[in-house]
């Protein structure tokens, strides 16, 4: 299993973990590049926003990237993390999913995590506050409350949402997703 983010050990029972390759964007992520909604910025990562150009700007660094909300960024800026088939395989109502990242915001903003689970013809969603403290960002989801049907989860993704992103930057140097069994009484 991959190493956990610095300063946050994997909880006991963690059975699957994945780390985003934040440096994989390559040369097309030069500073000041406007990001079109839905375009991949790294493997399994996309950016969404409702603003007009240049609403969201991406800049790559040696150990990650910064996502900036410009003046016309709208009411949200979202980094979408697609879970792999391996990451989705064991998702049931008896699992906890965690997004953990080394991150910082350049201005005070509200952050949310939203887990989306496609099962059968339905998509269940859970939205939780994302806590950012001491450079560690955490969003945790308890699938017992996800209103899953008996159909297996076919696809899953997490939206990391910055509310009112105008003039704010989200700087990420590490981003992981993991899951584990939930505690049962």
Protein backbone atom coordinates (compact mmCIF):
# COMPACT_ATOMS: atom_id res chain seq x y z
CA UNK A 1 0.00 0.00 0.00
CA UNK A 2 1.18 3.55 -0.66
CA UNK A 3 2.53 5.73 2.16
CA UNK A 4 -0.05 7.98 3.85
CA UNK A 5 0.12 11.78 3.59
CA UNK A 6 2.71 13.33 5.88
CA UNK A 7 1.32 13.80 9.38
CA UNK A 8 -1.70 11.53 8.95
CA UNK A 9 -1.32 7.75 9.37
CA UNK A 10 -3.78 5.43 7.64
CA UNK A 11 -6.57 4.48 10.03
CA UNK A 12 -6.60 0.82 11.14
CA UNK A 13 -8.15 -1.48 8.56
CA UNK A 14 -7.40 0.70 5.53
CA UNK A 15 -7.56 -1.74 2.65
CA UNK A 16 -7.23 0.51 -0.42
CA UNK A 17 -5.40 3.78 -1.02
CA UNK A 18 -4.49 5.85 -4.07
CA UNK A 19 -2.28 8.92 -4.54
CA UNK A 20 -2.83 11.51 -7.26
CA UNK A 21 0.15 12.25 -9.48
CA UNK A 22 0.01 16.02 -9.07
CA UNK A 23 3.12 16.53 -11.16
CA UNK A 24 1.78 14.60 -14.17
CA UNK A 25 0.19 17.63 -15.83
CA UNK A 26 3.40 18.28 -17.70
CA UNK A 27 4.37 21.30 -19.74
CA UNK A 28 0.81 22.25 -20.70
CA UNK A 29 0.24 23.46 -17.12
CA UNK A 30 2.30 26.63 -17.39
CA UNK A 31 1.45 29.45 -14.96
CA UNK A 32 -1.59 31.37 -16.05
CA UNK A 33 -3.17 28.56 -18.07
CA UNK A 34 -6.94 28.94 -18.12
CA UNK A 35 -8.65 25.66 -17.26
CA UNK A 36 -11.72 24.73 -19.29
CA UNK A 37 -14.40 22.94 -17.24
CA UNK A 38 -14.13 19.15 -17.40
CA UNK A 39 -10.68 18.98 -18.97
CA UNK A 40 -8.25 16.56 -17.25
CA UNK A 41 -5.39 18.34 -15.48
CA UNK A 42 -3.65 15.13 -14.33
CA UNK A 43 -4.54 11.44 -14.38
CA UNK A 44 -7.96 10.98 -12.67
CA UNK A 45 -8.25 14.73 -11.92
CA UNK A 46 -10.50 17.31 -13.59
CA UNK A 47 -11.48 20.89 -12.77
CA UNK A 48 -15.02 22.25 -12.96
CA UNK A 49 -16.31 25.80 -12.49
CA UNK A 50 -19.12 27.95 -13.77
CA UNK A 51 -17.14 31.05 -14.62
CA UNK A 52 -16.17 32.63 -17.91
CA UNK A 53 -12.54 32.75 -19.09
CA UNK A 54 -10.22 33.17 -17.24
CA UNK A 55 -12.28 31.94 -14.26
CA UNK A 56 -9.90 29.20 -13.14
CA UNK A 57 -6.15 29.24 -13.61
CA UNK A 58 -3.81 26.34 -12.95
CA UNK A 59 -0.09 26.53 -12.23
CA UNK A 60 2.13 23.46 -11.89
CA UNK A 61 4.98 23.26 -9.43
CA UNK A 62 7.68 20.73 -8.64
CA UNK A 63 5.56 18.99 -5.97
CA UNK A 64 1.98 19.71 -6.97
CA UNK A 65 -0.14 22.50 -8.36
CA UNK A 66 -2.11 25.60 -7.47
CA UNK A 67 -5.64 26.20 -8.64
CA UNK A 68 -6.70 29.85 -8.61
CA UNK A 69 -10.18 31.32 -8.77
CA UNK A 70 -10.06 34.54 -10.76
CA UNK A 71 -12.46 37.49 -10.66
CA UNK A 72 -15.13 35.76 -12.77
CA UNK A 73 -14.84 32.34 -11.11
CA UNK A 74 -18.52 32.13 -10.14
CA UNK A 75 -19.77 30.56 -6.93
CA UNK A 76 -17.69 27.38 -6.97
CA UNK A 77 -14.48 25.81 -8.19
CA UNK A 78 -14.24 22.02 -8.02
CA UNK A 79 -11.40 19.54 -8.35
CA UNK A 80 -12.87 16.15 -9.29
CA UNK A 81 -11.06 12.95 -8.30
CA UNK A 82 -12.19 9.86 -10.23
CA UNK A 83 -11.81 6.61 -8.30
CA UNK A 84 -10.35 3.68 -10.21
CA UNK A 85 -12.18 0.39 -10.77
CA UNK A 86 -10.01 -1.09 -8.02
CA UNK A 87 -11.05 1.71 -5.66
CA UNK A 88 -14.73 1.17 -6.40
CA UNK A 89 -14.68 -2.65 -6.21
CA UNK A 90 -15.32 -3.01 -2.45
CA UNK A 91 -17.53 0.02 -1.84
CA UNK A 92 -20.61 -0.96 0.15
CA UNK A 93 -22.64 0.65 2.90
CA UNK A 94 -20.13 -0.81 5.39
CA UNK A 95 -17.17 1.36 4.24
CA UNK A 96 -15.68 4.76 5.07
CA UNK A 97 -14.03 6.79 2.28
CA UNK A 98 -11.45 9.48 3.10
CA UNK A 99 -9.90 12.19 0.95
CA UNK A 100 -6.71 13.46 2.62
CA UNK A 101 -4.42 16.12 1.18
CA UNK A 102 -1.48 18.33 2.07
CA UNK A 103 -2.98 21.67 1.12
CA UNK A 104 -3.38 25.34 1.88
CA UNK A 105 -5.70 28.14 0.87
CA UNK A 106 -4.41 31.61 0.05
CA UNK A 107 -7.61 33.21 1.38
CA UNK A 108 -10.27 32.12 3.87
CA UNK A 109 -12.84 30.04 1.99
CA UNK A 110 -15.29 27.25 2.76
CA UNK A 111 -14.31 23.81 1.45
CA UNK A 112 -16.60 20.84 0.90
CA UNK A 113 -16.11 17.28 -0.23
CA UNK A 114 -18.89 15.57 -2.18
CA UNK A 115 -18.74 11.83 -2.78
CA UNK A 116 -20.73 10.62 -5.80
CA UNK A 117 -21.55 6.91 -6.12
CA UNK A 118 -23.16 5.54 -9.30
CA UNK A 119 -25.02 2.31 -8.54
CA UNK A 120 -27.49 0.91 -11.03
CA UNK A 121 -29.42 3.79 -12.62
CA UNK A 122 -28.92 6.00 -9.54
CA UNK A 123 -26.20 8.28 -8.23
CA UNK A 124 -26.02 8.73 -4.47
CA UNK A 125 -24.27 11.82 -3.11
CA UNK A 126 -22.84 12.78 0.26
CA UNK A 127 -21.59 16.28 0.95
CA UNK A 128 -19.39 16.91 3.97
CA UNK A 129 -17.32 19.86 5.18
CA UNK A 130 -13.65 19.46 4.31
CA UNK A 131 -11.53 20.36 7.33
CA UNK A 132 -8.24 22.17 6.71
CA UNK A 133 -5.97 22.40 9.74
CA UNK A 134 -2.19 22.56 9.99
CA UNK A 135 -1.83 22.01 6.24
CA UNK A 136 -3.86 18.77 6.30
CA UNK A 137 -7.19 18.70 4.47
CA UNK A 138 -9.64 15.89 5.33
CA UNK A 139 -13.08 14.96 4.02
CA UNK A 140 -14.60 11.72 5.28
CA UNK A 141 -17.70 9.89 4.06
CA UNK A 142 -19.61 7.13 5.85
CA UNK A 143 -21.34 5.02 3.20
CA UNK A 144 -23.89 3.74 5.75
CA UNK A 145 -25.66 7.05 5.07
CA UNK A 146 -25.24 7.02 1.28
CA UNK A 147 -28.65 5.54 0.42
CA UNK A 148 -27.11 2.80 -1.71
CA UNK A 149 -29.34 0.25 -3.39
CA UNK A 150 -28.39 -3.40 -3.66
CA UNK A 151 -26.78 -2.74 -7.05
CA UNK A 152 -22.98 -2.64 -6.85
CA UNK A 153 -21.21 0.70 -7.08
CA UNK A 154 -20.14 1.03 -10.73
CA UNK A 155 -18.33 4.37 -10.53
CA UNK A 156 -17.34 6.89 -7.88
CA UNK A 157 -15.79 10.34 -7.81
CA UNK A 158 -15.14 13.02 -5.21
CA UNK A 159 -15.60 16.73 -5.80
CA UNK A 160 -13.36 18.95 -3.66
CA UNK A 161 -15.31 22.21 -3.80
CA UNK A 162 -14.06 25.73 -3.00
CA UNK A 163 -17.01 28.03 -2.33
CA UNK A 164 -16.73 31.64 -3.57
CA UNK A 165 -13.30 31.02 -5.15
CA UNK A 166 -12.80 34.58 -6.46
CA UNK A 167 -9.30 35.69 -5.50
CA UNK A 168 -8.42 32.45 -3.69
CA UNK A 169 -5.88 29.78 -4.49
CA UNK A 170 -5.95 26.12 -3.44
CA UNK A 171 -2.40 24.78 -3.33
CA UNK A 172 -2.03 20.99 -3.25
CA UNK A 173 1.23 19.12 -2.68
CA UNK A 174 -0.27 15.68 -1.96
CA UNK A 175 -3.72 14.16 -2.44
CA UNK A 176 -4.85 10.67 -1.46
CA UNK A 177 -8.12 8.74 -1.33
CA UNK A 178 -8.54 5.65 0.84
CA UNK A 179 -11.25 3.45 2.24
CA UNK A 180 -11.69 1.08 5.14
CA UNK A 181 -14.42 -0.84 6.97
CA UNK A 182 -16.62 1.23 9.25
CA UNK A 183 -16.86 0.34 12.93
CA UNK A 184 -19.86 -1.87 13.60
CA UNK A 185 -21.57 -2.13 17.03
